[in-house]
Amino acid sequence: MIHELREIIQKEVEALQQIPLSDSYEKAVQLIVEQVHTKKGKLVTSGMGKAGQIASNIATTFSSTGTTACFLHPSEAQHGDLGILRENDLMLLISNSGKTREIIELIDLARNLIPDIRFIVITSNPDSLLAQSADACLLTGNPQEVCTLGLTPTTSTTVMTVIGDLLVVETMKKIGFTASDYAKRHHGGYLGTISRMQSQQEK
């Protein structure tokens, strides 16, 4: 089994190394800085199923690193939660296929509420309606799932998570996020202690 486990890890590593990097990342980070930090909007992430779990994680990571963000469930959006959107908000939508019905519908619903709302998209399908609706489209490279059936989101969700991390880290650099800033958002726990120590060192 150890050999099989190493093969699975290697396949996921290779998928990460093959993420298509493009100028879209710079565009995405610029949008985040402009909409959230300059215009005082927020980043609203969304996705269905496993992609939704990744979107939720990305939102919490952004919030903890100085960029106001929240997760909007695409189904709940159709039952009133869409009201969370405000002028200058930016949406980050995730769908591996680029065809997820609830996410496609969310684009129209959001535009009906805020006509000039902007979108960052993470998908494997550059020809999808979702990708074509994006102001910045970040492609996963369409990696093969390591699931034995080739169906369960495994490698694809790993790639989505890393793409989210790329956006978070580059945004932190752009806004000059410090250990002191981190400490203000992490009062408790080990990370709170470490960030306060680093904050003191900065002074």
N, C-alpha and C. Protein backbone atom coordinates (compact mmCIF):
# COMPACT_ATOMS: atom_id res chain seq x y z
N MET A 1 0.82 -1.21 0.00
CA MET A 1 0.00 0.00 0.00
C MET A 1 0.85 1.26 0.00
N ILE A 2 2.01 1.23 0.68
CA ILE A 2 2.88 2.40 0.74
C ILE A 2 3.25 2.87 -0.67
N HIS A 3 3.54 1.91 -1.53
CA HIS A 3 3.90 2.24 -2.92
C HIS A 3 2.72 2.92 -3.62
N GLU A 4 1.53 2.39 -3.41
CA GLU A 4 0.34 2.97 -4.02
C GLU A 4 0.09 4.38 -3.51
N LEU A 5 0.30 4.58 -2.22
CA LEU A 5 0.11 5.91 -1.63
C LEU A 5 1.09 6.91 -2.23
N ARG A 6 2.32 6.48 -2.44
CA ARG A 6 3.33 7.37 -3.03
C ARG A 6 2.93 7.74 -4.47
N GLU A 7 2.36 6.79 -5.18
CA GLU A 7 1.92 7.06 -6.55
C GLU A 7 0.79 8.09 -6.57
N ILE A 8 -0.14 7.99 -5.63
CA ILE A 8 -1.24 8.95 -5.55
C ILE A 8 -0.69 10.34 -5.26
N ILE A 9 0.22 10.42 -4.29
CA ILE A 9 0.83 11.71 -3.96
C ILE A 9 1.55 12.30 -5.17
N GLN A 10 2.28 11.45 -5.88
CA GLN A 10 3.03 11.92 -7.04
C GLN A 10 2.10 12.46 -8.12
N LYS A 11 0.98 11.80 -8.33
CA LYS A 11 0.03 12.27 -9.34
C LYS A 11 -0.54 13.64 -8.96
N GLU A 12 -0.80 13.84 -7.68
CA GLU A 12 -1.33 15.12 -7.24
C GLU A 12 -0.26 16.21 -7.35
N VAL A 13 0.98 15.87 -7.01
CA VAL A 13 2.08 16.82 -7.15
C VAL A 13 2.24 17.24 -8.61
N GLU A 14 2.18 16.27 -9.51
CA GLU A 14 2.31 16.57 -10.94
C GLU A 14 1.19 17.48 -11.41
N ALA A 15 -0.02 17.26 -10.90
CA ALA A 15 -1.15 18.11 -11.28
C ALA A 15 -0.91 19.55 -10.83
N LEU A 16 -0.35 19.72 -9.65
CA LEU A 16 -0.05 21.06 -9.16
C LEU A 16 1.02 21.74 -10.01
N GLN A 17 2.01 20.97 -10.41
CA GLN A 17 3.10 21.53 -11.21
C GLN A 17 2.62 21.94 -12.61
N GLN A 18 1.50 21.37 -13.03
CA GLN A 18 0.98 21.65 -14.37
C GLN A 18 -0.16 22.68 -14.38
N ILE A 19 -0.39 23.34 -13.26
CA ILE A 19 -1.40 24.40 -13.25
C ILE A 19 -0.99 25.47 -14.26
N PRO A 20 -1.88 25.80 -15.19
CA PRO A 20 -1.53 26.81 -16.20
C PRO A 20 -1.45 28.20 -15.55
N LEU A 21 -0.26 28.76 -15.51
CA LEU A 21 -0.08 30.09 -14.93
C LEU A 21 -0.13 31.13 -16.05
N SER A 22 -0.86 32.20 -15.83
CA SER A 22 -1.04 33.22 -16.87
C SER A 22 -1.20 34.59 -16.23
N ASP A 23 -1.34 35.60 -17.08
CA ASP A 23 -1.55 36.96 -16.60
C ASP A 23 -2.88 37.11 -15.87
N SER A 24 -3.75 36.10 -15.99
CA SER A 24 -5.05 36.16 -15.33
C SER A 24 -4.89 36.23 -13.81
N TYR A 25 -3.80 35.67 -13.29
CA TYR A 25 -3.56 35.74 -11.85
C TYR A 25 -3.32 37.17 -11.40
N GLU A 26 -2.52 37.88 -12.18
CA GLU A 26 -2.27 39.29 -11.86
C GLU A 26 -3.56 40.09 -11.95
N LYS A 27 -4.37 39.80 -12.97
CA LYS A 27 -5.66 40.48 -13.12
C LYS A 27 -6.57 40.18 -11.93
N ALA A 28 -6.59 38.93 -11.49
CA ALA A 28 -7.44 38.54 -10.37
C ALA A 28 -7.02 39.25 -9.09
N VAL A 29 -5.73 39.28 -8.82
CA VAL A 29 -5.24 39.95 -7.61
C VAL A 29 -5.53 41.44 -7.67
N GLN A 30 -5.36 42.04 -8.84
CA GLN A 30 -5.67 43.46 -9.00
C GLN A 30 -7.14 43.74 -8.71
N LEU A 31 -8.01 42.84 -9.18
CA LEU A 31 -9.45 42.99 -8.92
C LEU A 31 -9.75 42.92 -7.43
N ILE A 32 -9.11 41.98 -6.75
CA ILE A 32 -9.34 41.83 -5.31
C ILE A 32 -8.89 43.08 -4.56
N VAL A 33 -7.71 43.57 -4.89
CA VAL A 33 -7.20 44.76 -4.22
C VAL A 33 -8.08 45.97 -4.52
N GLU A 34 -8.47 46.11 -5.78
CA GLU A 34 -9.28 47.26 -6.18
C GLU A 34 -10.66 47.23 -5.55
N GLN A 35 -11.35 46.09 -5.67
CA GLN A 35 -12.74 46.03 -5.21
C GLN A 35 -12.86 45.99 -3.69
N VAL A 36 -11.97 45.26 -3.04
CA VAL A 36 -12.09 45.08 -1.59
C VAL A 36 -11.33 46.15 -0.81
N HIS A 37 -10.09 46.40 -1.21
CA HIS A 37 -9.25 47.29 -0.41
C HIS A 37 -9.34 48.76 -0.82
N THR A 38 -9.63 49.02 -2.08
CA THR A 38 -9.76 50.41 -2.52
C THR A 38 -11.21 50.88 -2.47
N LYS A 39 -12.11 50.06 -3.01
CA LYS A 39 -13.52 50.46 -3.08
C LYS A 39 -14.34 49.97 -1.88
N LYS A 40 -13.70 49.21 -0.98
CA LYS A 40 -14.33 48.75 0.26
C LYS A 40 -15.51 47.80 0.05
N GLY A 41 -15.44 47.01 -1.01
CA GLY A 41 -16.40 45.93 -1.18
C GLY A 41 -15.90 44.70 -0.45
N LYS A 42 -16.40 43.54 -0.82
CA LYS A 42 -15.93 42.29 -0.22
C LYS A 42 -15.84 41.21 -1.29
N LEU A 43 -15.10 40.19 -1.01
CA LEU A 43 -14.98 39.05 -1.91
C LEU A 43 -16.02 38.02 -1.50
N VAL A 44 -16.86 37.62 -2.45
CA VAL A 44 -17.90 36.63 -2.18
C VAL A 44 -17.60 35.39 -3.00
N THR A 45 -17.31 34.28 -2.34
CA THR A 45 -16.96 33.04 -3.04
C THR A 45 -18.18 32.13 -3.13
N SER A 46 -18.19 31.26 -4.13
CA SER A 46 -19.32 30.34 -4.28
C SER A 46 -18.94 29.13 -5.10
N GLY A 47 -19.59 28.02 -4.80
CA GLY A 47 -19.40 26.79 -5.53
C GLY A 47 -20.38 25.75 -4.98
N MET A 48 -20.64 24.71 -5.74
CA MET A 48 -21.53 23.63 -5.31
C MET A 48 -20.73 22.40 -4.93
N GLY A 49 -21.23 21.64 -3.96
CA GLY A 49 -20.59 20.37 -3.60
C GLY A 49 -19.18 20.57 -3.07
N LYS A 50 -18.25 19.73 -3.55
CA LYS A 50 -16.86 19.81 -3.10
C LYS A 50 -16.26 21.16 -3.45
N ALA A 51 -16.59 21.69 -4.62
CA ALA A 51 -16.07 23.00 -5.02
C ALA A 51 -16.55 24.08 -4.06
N GLY A 52 -17.76 23.90 -3.54
CA GLY A 52 -18.29 24.84 -2.57
C GLY A 52 -17.50 24.81 -1.27
N GLN A 53 -17.08 23.63 -0.86
CA GLN A 53 -16.27 23.52 0.35
C GLN A 53 -14.93 24.22 0.17
N ILE A 54 -14.37 24.09 -1.02
CA ILE A 54 -13.11 24.78 -1.32
C ILE A 54 -13.35 26.29 -1.30
N ALA A 55 -14.45 26.73 -1.91
CA ALA A 55 -14.78 28.16 -1.94
C ALA A 55 -14.94 28.72 -0.54
N SER A 56 -15.58 27.96 0.35
CA SER A 56 -15.76 28.39 1.73
C SER A 56 -14.42 28.52 2.43
N ASN A 57 -13.54 27.57 2.20
CA ASN A 57 -12.21 27.62 2.81
C ASN A 57 -11.42 28.82 2.31
N ILE A 58 -11.52 29.10 1.01
CA ILE A 58 -10.81 30.26 0.45
C ILE A 58 -11.30 31.54 1.09
N ALA A 59 -12.62 31.64 1.31
CA ALA A 59 -13.18 32.85 1.92
C ALA A 59 -12.64 33.04 3.33
N THR A 60 -12.60 31.98 4.13
CA THR A 60 -12.11 32.12 5.51
C THR A 60 -10.63 32.46 5.53
N THR A 61 -9.87 31.91 4.59
CA THR A 61 -8.44 32.21 4.54
C THR A 61 -8.21 33.67 4.16
N PHE A 62 -8.98 34.17 3.19
CA PHE A 62 -8.87 35.58 2.83
C PHE A 62 -9.23 36.47 4.03
N SER A 63 -10.32 36.15 4.71
CA SER A 63 -10.76 36.97 5.84
C SER A 63 -9.70 37.03 6.94
N SER A 64 -9.02 35.92 7.17
CA SER A 64 -8.02 35.87 8.23
C SER A 64 -6.74 36.58 7.85
N THR A 65 -6.60 36.92 6.57
CA THR A 65 -5.38 37.59 6.11
C THR A 65 -5.67 38.99 5.57
N GLY A 66 -6.73 39.60 6.07
CA GLY A 66 -6.94 41.01 5.81
C GLY A 66 -7.83 41.39 4.65
N THR A 67 -8.39 40.40 3.95
CA THR A 67 -9.28 40.69 2.83
C THR A 67 -10.68 40.20 3.18
N THR A 68 -11.60 41.12 3.35
CA THR A 68 -12.96 40.77 3.76
C THR A 68 -13.60 39.84 2.74
N ALA A 69 -14.05 38.68 3.19
CA ALA A 69 -14.61 37.68 2.28
C ALA A 69 -15.67 36.85 3.00
N CYS A 70 -16.58 36.29 2.22
CA CYS A 70 -17.59 35.39 2.77
C CYS A 70 -18.01 34.40 1.70
N PHE A 71 -18.63 33.31 2.13
CA PHE A 71 -19.11 32.28 1.21
C PHE A 71 -20.62 32.43 1.01
N LEU A 72 -21.06 32.34 -0.23
CA LEU A 72 -22.48 32.37 -0.57
C LEU A 72 -22.86 31.05 -1.23
N HIS A 73 -23.75 30.29 -0.59
CA HIS A 73 -24.18 29.03 -1.19
C HIS A 73 -25.06 29.34 -2.39
N PRO A 74 -24.76 28.80 -3.57
CA PRO A 74 -25.50 29.17 -4.77
C PRO A 74 -26.98 28.81 -4.74
N SER A 75 -27.34 27.74 -4.03
CA SER A 75 -28.75 27.39 -3.91
C SER A 75 -29.47 28.34 -2.96
N GLU A 76 -28.84 28.62 -1.82
CA GLU A 76 -29.44 29.54 -0.86
C GLU A 76 -29.54 30.96 -1.44
N ALA A 77 -28.67 31.26 -2.39
CA ALA A 77 -28.72 32.58 -3.04
C ALA A 77 -30.06 32.79 -3.73
N GLN A 78 -30.66 31.68 -4.21
CA GLN A 78 -31.94 31.77 -4.91
C GLN A 78 -33.12 31.90 -3.95
N HIS A 79 -32.81 31.83 -2.66
CA HIS A 79 -33.87 31.93 -1.66
C HIS A 79 -33.62 33.08 -0.69
N GLY A 80 -32.99 34.13 -1.20
CA GLY A 80 -32.84 35.35 -0.42
C GLY A 80 -31.43 35.71 -0.01
N ASP A 81 -30.53 34.72 0.06
CA ASP A 81 -29.17 35.02 0.51
C ASP A 81 -28.39 35.87 -0.50
N LEU A 82 -28.92 36.00 -1.71
CA LEU A 82 -28.28 36.86 -2.70
C LEU A 82 -28.18 38.29 -2.18
N GLY A 83 -29.04 38.63 -1.23
CA GLY A 83 -29.05 39.97 -0.66
C GLY A 83 -27.77 40.35 0.05
N ILE A 84 -26.85 39.39 0.23
CA ILE A 84 -25.57 39.70 0.85
C ILE A 84 -24.70 40.56 -0.06
N LEU A 85 -25.00 40.54 -1.36
CA LEU A 85 -24.20 41.29 -2.33
C LEU A 85 -24.48 42.78 -2.22
N ARG A 86 -23.40 43.57 -2.34
CA ARG A 86 -23.47 45.02 -2.32
C ARG A 86 -22.62 45.59 -3.44
N GLU A 87 -22.80 46.86 -3.72
CA GLU A 87 -21.97 47.54 -4.71
C GLU A 87 -20.49 47.36 -4.37
N ASN A 88 -19.68 47.17 -5.39
CA ASN A 88 -18.23 47.00 -5.30
C ASN A 88 -17.79 45.62 -4.82
N ASP A 89 -18.75 44.72 -4.54
CA ASP A 89 -18.36 43.35 -4.22
C ASP A 89 -17.78 42.67 -5.45
N LEU A 90 -16.98 41.66 -5.21
CA LEU A 90 -16.35 40.87 -6.25
C LEU A 90 -16.67 39.41 -5.97
N MET A 91 -17.00 38.63 -7.00
CA MET A 91 -17.34 37.23 -6.81
C MET A 91 -16.24 36.31 -7.33
N LEU A 92 -15.96 35.26 -6.56
CA LEU A 92 -15.04 34.20 -6.97
C LEU A 92 -15.86 32.92 -7.09
N LEU A 93 -16.06 32.45 -8.31
CA LEU A 93 -16.91 31.29 -8.57
C LEU A 93 -16.07 30.09 -8.98
N ILE A 94 -16.40 28.92 -8.40
CA ILE A 94 -15.62 27.72 -8.68
C ILE A 94 -16.53 26.62 -9.23
N SER A 95 -16.15 26.09 -10.38
CA SER A 95 -16.84 24.93 -10.97
C SER A 95 -15.86 24.21 -11.86
N ASN A 96 -15.55 22.96 -11.55
CA ASN A 96 -14.58 22.22 -12.34
C ASN A 96 -15.02 22.10 -13.79
N SER A 97 -16.29 21.78 -13.99
CA SER A 97 -16.81 21.60 -15.35
C SER A 97 -17.09 22.93 -16.04
N GLY A 98 -17.34 23.96 -15.25
CA GLY A 98 -17.75 25.25 -15.81
C GLY A 98 -19.20 25.24 -16.24
N LYS A 99 -19.91 24.15 -15.91
CA LYS A 99 -21.29 24.00 -16.35
C LYS A 99 -22.28 23.84 -15.20
N THR A 100 -21.81 23.96 -13.97
CA THR A 100 -22.68 23.76 -12.82
C THR A 100 -23.88 24.70 -12.88
N ARG A 101 -25.08 24.12 -12.96
CA ARG A 101 -26.30 24.92 -13.19
C ARG A 101 -26.46 26.04 -12.18
N GLU A 102 -26.30 25.72 -10.90
CA GLU A 102 -26.53 26.73 -9.87
C GLU A 102 -25.55 27.89 -9.97
N ILE A 103 -24.33 27.60 -10.41
CA ILE A 103 -23.32 28.67 -10.54
C ILE A 103 -23.60 29.53 -11.76
N ILE A 104 -23.99 28.90 -12.86
CA ILE A 104 -24.35 29.66 -14.06
C ILE A 104 -25.53 30.57 -13.76
N GLU A 105 -26.52 30.04 -13.05
CA GLU A 105 -27.68 30.85 -12.69
C GLU A 105 -27.29 31.99 -11.74
N LEU A 106 -26.31 31.73 -10.88
CA LEU A 106 -25.87 32.74 -9.93
C LEU A 106 -25.29 33.95 -10.64
N ILE A 107 -24.63 33.73 -11.77
CA ILE A 107 -24.09 34.85 -12.54
C ILE A 107 -25.20 35.80 -12.95
N ASP A 108 -26.26 35.24 -13.52
CA ASP A 108 -27.38 36.07 -13.97
C ASP A 108 -28.08 36.76 -12.80
N LEU A 109 -28.25 36.02 -11.70
CA LEU A 109 -28.91 36.59 -10.53
C LEU A 109 -28.09 37.76 -9.96
N ALA A 110 -26.79 37.57 -9.90
CA ALA A 110 -25.92 38.62 -9.36
C ALA A 110 -25.93 39.86 -10.26
N ARG A 111 -25.90 39.63 -11.56
CA ARG A 111 -25.91 40.76 -12.49
C ARG A 111 -27.25 41.48 -12.49
N ASN A 112 -28.30 40.75 -12.23
CA ASN A 112 -29.61 41.39 -12.15
C ASN A 112 -29.69 42.33 -10.95
N LEU A 113 -28.98 41.95 -9.88
CA LEU A 113 -28.96 42.77 -8.67
C LEU A 113 -27.93 43.90 -8.77
N ILE A 114 -26.73 43.54 -9.26
CA ILE A 114 -25.63 44.52 -9.40
C ILE A 114 -25.07 44.36 -10.81
N PRO A 115 -25.56 45.13 -11.77
CA PRO A 115 -25.21 44.94 -13.19
C PRO A 115 -23.72 44.93 -13.50
N ASP A 116 -22.93 45.71 -12.78
CA ASP A 116 -21.51 45.79 -13.11
C ASP A 116 -20.63 44.94 -12.20
N ILE A 117 -21.20 43.94 -11.52
CA ILE A 117 -20.40 43.09 -10.63
C ILE A 117 -19.36 42.33 -11.43
N ARG A 118 -18.18 42.12 -10.83
CA ARG A 118 -17.06 41.47 -11.51
C ARG A 118 -16.91 40.04 -11.01
N PHE A 119 -16.31 39.19 -11.85
CA PHE A 119 -16.19 37.77 -11.51
C PHE A 119 -14.77 37.25 -11.74
N ILE A 120 -14.27 36.51 -10.76
CA ILE A 120 -13.09 35.67 -10.93
C ILE A 120 -13.61 34.24 -10.96
N VAL A 121 -13.11 33.43 -11.88
CA VAL A 121 -13.59 32.06 -12.04
C VAL A 121 -12.44 31.08 -11.97
N ILE A 122 -12.65 29.97 -11.27
CA ILE A 122 -11.72 28.84 -11.28
C ILE A 122 -12.45 27.66 -11.92
N THR A 123 -11.91 27.15 -13.02
CA THR A 123 -12.56 26.07 -13.75
C THR A 123 -11.53 25.31 -14.59
N SER A 124 -11.93 24.13 -15.05
CA SER A 124 -11.06 23.35 -15.95
C SER A 124 -11.43 23.58 -17.41
N ASN A 125 -12.56 24.25 -17.63
CA ASN A 125 -13.13 24.35 -18.98
C ASN A 125 -13.08 25.77 -19.53
N PRO A 126 -12.07 26.09 -20.34
CA PRO A 126 -11.93 27.45 -20.86
C PRO A 126 -13.03 27.85 -21.85
N ASP A 127 -13.74 26.87 -22.38
CA ASP A 127 -14.79 27.15 -23.37
C ASP A 127 -16.17 27.23 -22.75
N SER A 128 -16.26 27.09 -21.45
CA SER A 128 -17.56 27.09 -20.77
C SER A 128 -18.14 28.49 -20.68
N LEU A 129 -19.45 28.55 -20.50
CA LEU A 129 -20.12 29.83 -20.30
C LEU A 129 -19.58 30.52 -19.06
N LEU A 130 -19.25 29.75 -18.04
CA LEU A 130 -18.70 30.32 -16.82
C LEU A 130 -17.38 31.03 -17.11
N ALA A 131 -16.48 30.36 -17.83
CA ALA A 131 -15.19 30.96 -18.16
C ALA A 131 -15.37 32.21 -19.01
N GLN A 132 -16.30 32.17 -19.93
CA GLN A 132 -16.52 33.30 -20.81
C GLN A 132 -17.14 34.49 -20.08
N SER A 133 -17.73 34.25 -18.92
CA SER A 133 -18.34 35.31 -18.14
C SER A 133 -17.35 35.97 -17.18
N ALA A 134 -16.13 35.44 -17.12
CA ALA A 134 -15.17 35.88 -16.11
C ALA A 134 -14.40 37.13 -16.54
N ASP A 135 -14.12 37.96 -15.56
CA ASP A 135 -13.17 39.05 -15.77
C ASP A 135 -11.75 38.52 -15.66
N ALA A 136 -11.57 37.47 -14.87
CA ALA A 136 -10.29 36.78 -14.76
C ALA A 136 -10.58 35.30 -14.59
N CYS A 137 -10.11 34.48 -15.52
CA CYS A 137 -10.37 33.04 -15.49
C CYS A 137 -9.08 32.29 -15.16
N LEU A 138 -9.12 31.51 -14.09
CA LEU A 138 -7.96 30.76 -13.65
C LEU A 138 -8.22 29.27 -13.91
N LEU A 139 -7.46 28.69 -14.81
CA LEU A 139 -7.70 27.32 -15.25
C LEU A 139 -6.95 26.31 -14.38
N THR A 140 -7.59 25.17 -14.14
CA THR A 140 -6.98 24.13 -13.30
C THR A 140 -6.05 23.21 -14.10
N GLY A 141 -6.18 23.22 -15.42
CA GLY A 141 -5.41 22.30 -16.24
C GLY A 141 -6.13 20.98 -16.45
N ASN A 142 -7.35 20.87 -15.89
CA ASN A 142 -8.18 19.67 -16.04
C ASN A 142 -7.44 18.39 -15.66
N PRO A 143 -6.92 18.32 -14.43
CA PRO A 143 -6.17 17.12 -14.02
C PRO A 143 -7.08 15.91 -13.87
N GLN A 144 -6.50 14.74 -14.07
CA GLN A 144 -7.22 13.49 -13.87
C GLN A 144 -7.38 13.23 -12.37
N GLU A 145 -8.58 12.84 -11.96
CA GLU A 145 -8.81 12.55 -10.55
C GLU A 145 -8.07 11.27 -10.15
N VAL A 146 -7.51 11.27 -8.94
CA VAL A 146 -6.83 10.06 -8.48
C VAL A 146 -7.81 9.02 -7.95
N CYS A 147 -9.08 9.40 -7.80
CA CYS A 147 -10.13 8.46 -7.43
C CYS A 147 -10.08 7.26 -8.37
N THR A 148 -10.26 6.05 -7.85
CA THR A 148 -10.17 4.85 -8.69
C THR A 148 -11.20 4.83 -9.80
N LEU A 149 -12.31 5.57 -9.63
CA LEU A 149 -13.33 5.66 -10.67
C LEU A 149 -13.08 6.82 -11.62
N GLY A 150 -12.15 7.69 -11.24
CA GLY A 150 -11.89 8.88 -12.05
C GLY A 150 -13.02 9.89 -11.97
N LEU A 151 -13.85 9.79 -10.92
CA LEU A 151 -15.03 10.64 -10.82
C LEU A 151 -15.01 11.57 -9.60
N THR A 152 -14.67 11.03 -8.44
CA THR A 152 -14.73 11.81 -7.21
C THR A 152 -13.74 12.97 -7.24
N PRO A 153 -14.20 14.19 -6.95
CA PRO A 153 -13.27 15.34 -6.91
C PRO A 153 -12.16 15.09 -5.89
N THR A 154 -10.97 14.88 -6.36
CA THR A 154 -9.81 14.63 -5.50
C THR A 154 -8.66 15.52 -5.97
N THR A 155 -8.06 15.17 -7.09
CA THR A 155 -6.98 16.00 -7.62
C THR A 155 -7.47 17.40 -7.98
N SER A 156 -8.66 17.47 -8.53
CA SER A 156 -9.19 18.78 -8.95
C SER A 156 -9.38 19.71 -7.75
N THR A 157 -9.84 19.15 -6.62
CA THR A 157 -10.04 20.00 -5.45
C THR A 157 -8.70 20.40 -4.82
N THR A 158 -7.71 19.53 -4.94
CA THR A 158 -6.37 19.89 -4.48
C THR A 158 -5.85 21.09 -5.27
N VAL A 159 -6.04 21.03 -6.59
CA VAL A 159 -5.60 22.12 -7.45
C VAL A 159 -6.36 23.41 -7.14
N MET A 160 -7.67 23.30 -6.95
CA MET A 160 -8.47 24.49 -6.62
C MET A 160 -7.99 25.14 -5.33
N THR A 161 -7.67 24.30 -4.34
CA THR A 161 -7.18 24.82 -3.06
C THR A 161 -5.88 25.60 -3.25
N VAL A 162 -4.98 25.05 -4.03
CA VAL A 162 -3.70 25.71 -4.26
C VAL A 162 -3.88 27.01 -5.03
N ILE A 163 -4.77 27.02 -6.01
CA ILE A 163 -5.05 28.26 -6.74
C ILE A 163 -5.56 29.33 -5.77
N GLY A 164 -6.44 28.92 -4.85
CA GLY A 164 -6.90 29.86 -3.83
C GLY A 164 -5.75 30.39 -2.99
N ASP A 165 -4.82 29.49 -2.63
CA ASP A 165 -3.65 29.90 -1.85
C ASP A 165 -2.79 30.91 -2.61
N LEU A 166 -2.65 30.69 -3.92
CA LEU A 166 -1.88 31.63 -4.74
C LEU A 166 -2.48 33.03 -4.67
N LEU A 167 -3.80 33.10 -4.77
CA LEU A 167 -4.48 34.39 -4.71
C LEU A 167 -4.32 35.05 -3.35
N VAL A 168 -4.46 34.25 -2.29
CA VAL A 168 -4.34 34.78 -0.93
C VAL A 168 -2.94 35.35 -0.70
N VAL A 169 -1.93 34.57 -1.01
CA VAL A 169 -0.55 34.99 -0.72
C VAL A 169 -0.16 36.23 -1.53
N GLU A 170 -0.52 36.25 -2.81
CA GLU A 170 -0.18 37.41 -3.63
C GLU A 170 -0.94 38.66 -3.18
N THR A 171 -2.18 38.47 -2.72
CA THR A 171 -2.94 39.61 -2.21
C THR A 171 -2.31 40.13 -0.92
N MET A 172 -1.88 39.23 -0.05
CA MET A 172 -1.20 39.64 1.18
C MET A 172 0.01 40.51 0.87
N LYS A 173 0.76 40.13 -0.16
CA LYS A 173 1.93 40.91 -0.55
C LYS A 173 1.53 42.30 -1.04
N LYS A 174 0.47 42.34 -1.85
CA LYS A 174 0.03 43.62 -2.43
C LYS A 174 -0.45 44.59 -1.35
N ILE A 175 -1.12 44.10 -0.31
CA ILE A 175 -1.67 44.99 0.70
C ILE A 175 -0.71 45.19 1.88
N GLY A 176 0.45 44.54 1.83
CA GLY A 176 1.43 44.70 2.89
C GLY A 176 0.97 44.17 4.23
N PHE A 177 0.32 43.02 4.21
CA PHE A 177 -0.23 42.42 5.42
C PHE A 177 0.89 41.95 6.34
N THR A 178 0.86 42.39 7.61
CA THR A 178 1.94 42.12 8.55
C THR A 178 1.51 41.15 9.66
N ALA A 179 2.50 40.73 10.45
CA ALA A 179 2.22 39.87 11.60
C ALA A 179 1.32 40.61 12.60
N SER A 180 1.51 41.92 12.71
CA SER A 180 0.66 42.72 13.59
C SER A 180 -0.79 42.69 13.11
N ASP A 181 -0.98 42.81 11.80
CA ASP A 181 -2.33 42.72 11.23
C ASP A 181 -2.93 41.33 11.49
N TYR A 182 -2.09 40.32 11.37
CA TYR A 182 -2.54 38.94 11.59
C TYR A 182 -2.98 38.75 13.04
N ALA A 183 -2.18 39.28 13.96
CA ALA A 183 -2.45 39.11 15.39
C ALA A 183 -3.79 39.73 15.78
N LYS A 184 -4.15 40.82 15.14
CA LYS A 184 -5.41 41.49 15.45
C LYS A 184 -6.61 40.62 15.08
N ARG A 185 -6.40 39.67 14.18
CA ARG A 185 -7.49 38.80 13.72
C ARG A 185 -7.42 37.41 14.35
N HIS A 186 -6.37 37.14 15.11
CA HIS A 186 -6.19 35.82 15.72
C HIS A 186 -5.85 35.99 17.20
N HIS A 187 -6.87 36.17 18.00
CA HIS A 187 -6.61 36.39 19.43
C HIS A 187 -6.21 35.11 20.14
N GLY A 188 -6.87 34.03 19.81
CA GLY A 188 -6.64 32.78 20.54
C GLY A 188 -5.81 31.79 19.76
N GLY A 189 -5.45 30.71 20.44
CA GLY A 189 -4.78 29.60 19.79
C GLY A 189 -3.29 29.82 19.54
N TYR A 190 -2.68 28.79 18.99
CA TYR A 190 -1.24 28.80 18.73
C TYR A 190 -0.86 29.89 17.74
N LEU A 191 -1.65 30.01 16.66
CA LEU A 191 -1.33 31.03 15.66
C LEU A 191 -1.42 32.43 16.23
N GLY A 192 -2.38 32.64 17.13
CA GLY A 192 -2.49 33.95 17.76
C GLY A 192 -1.25 34.27 18.57
N THR A 193 -0.76 33.29 19.32
CA THR A 193 0.45 33.48 20.13
C THR A 193 1.66 33.79 19.25
N ILE A 194 1.84 32.99 18.21
CA ILE A 194 2.99 33.18 17.32
C ILE A 194 2.92 34.53 16.62
N SER A 195 1.74 34.90 16.14
CA SER A 195 1.62 36.17 15.43
C SER A 195 1.89 37.36 16.34
N ARG A 196 1.49 37.25 17.62
CA ARG A 196 1.78 38.35 18.56
C ARG A 196 3.27 38.44 18.83
N MET A 197 3.96 37.32 18.89
CA MET A 197 5.40 37.33 19.09
C MET A 197 6.09 37.98 17.88
N GLN A 198 5.63 37.61 16.68
CA GLN A 198 6.22 38.20 15.48
C GLN A 198 5.91 39.68 15.39
N SER A 199 4.72 40.06 15.85
CA SER A 199 4.34 41.46 15.85
C SER A 199 5.26 42.28 16.73
N GLN A 200 5.64 41.73 17.88
CA GLN A 200 6.55 42.42 18.77
C GLN A 200 7.92 42.58 18.14
N GLN A 201 8.33 41.56 17.37
CA GLN A 201 9.63 41.61 16.69
C GLN A 201 9.64 42.68 15.61
N GLU A 202 8.48 42.87 14.96
CA GLU A 202 8.39 43.90 13.92
C GLU A 202 8.61 45.29 14.51
N LYS A 203 8.17 45.46 15.76
CA LYS A 203 8.33 46.75 16.43
C LYS A 203 9.76 46.92 16.92
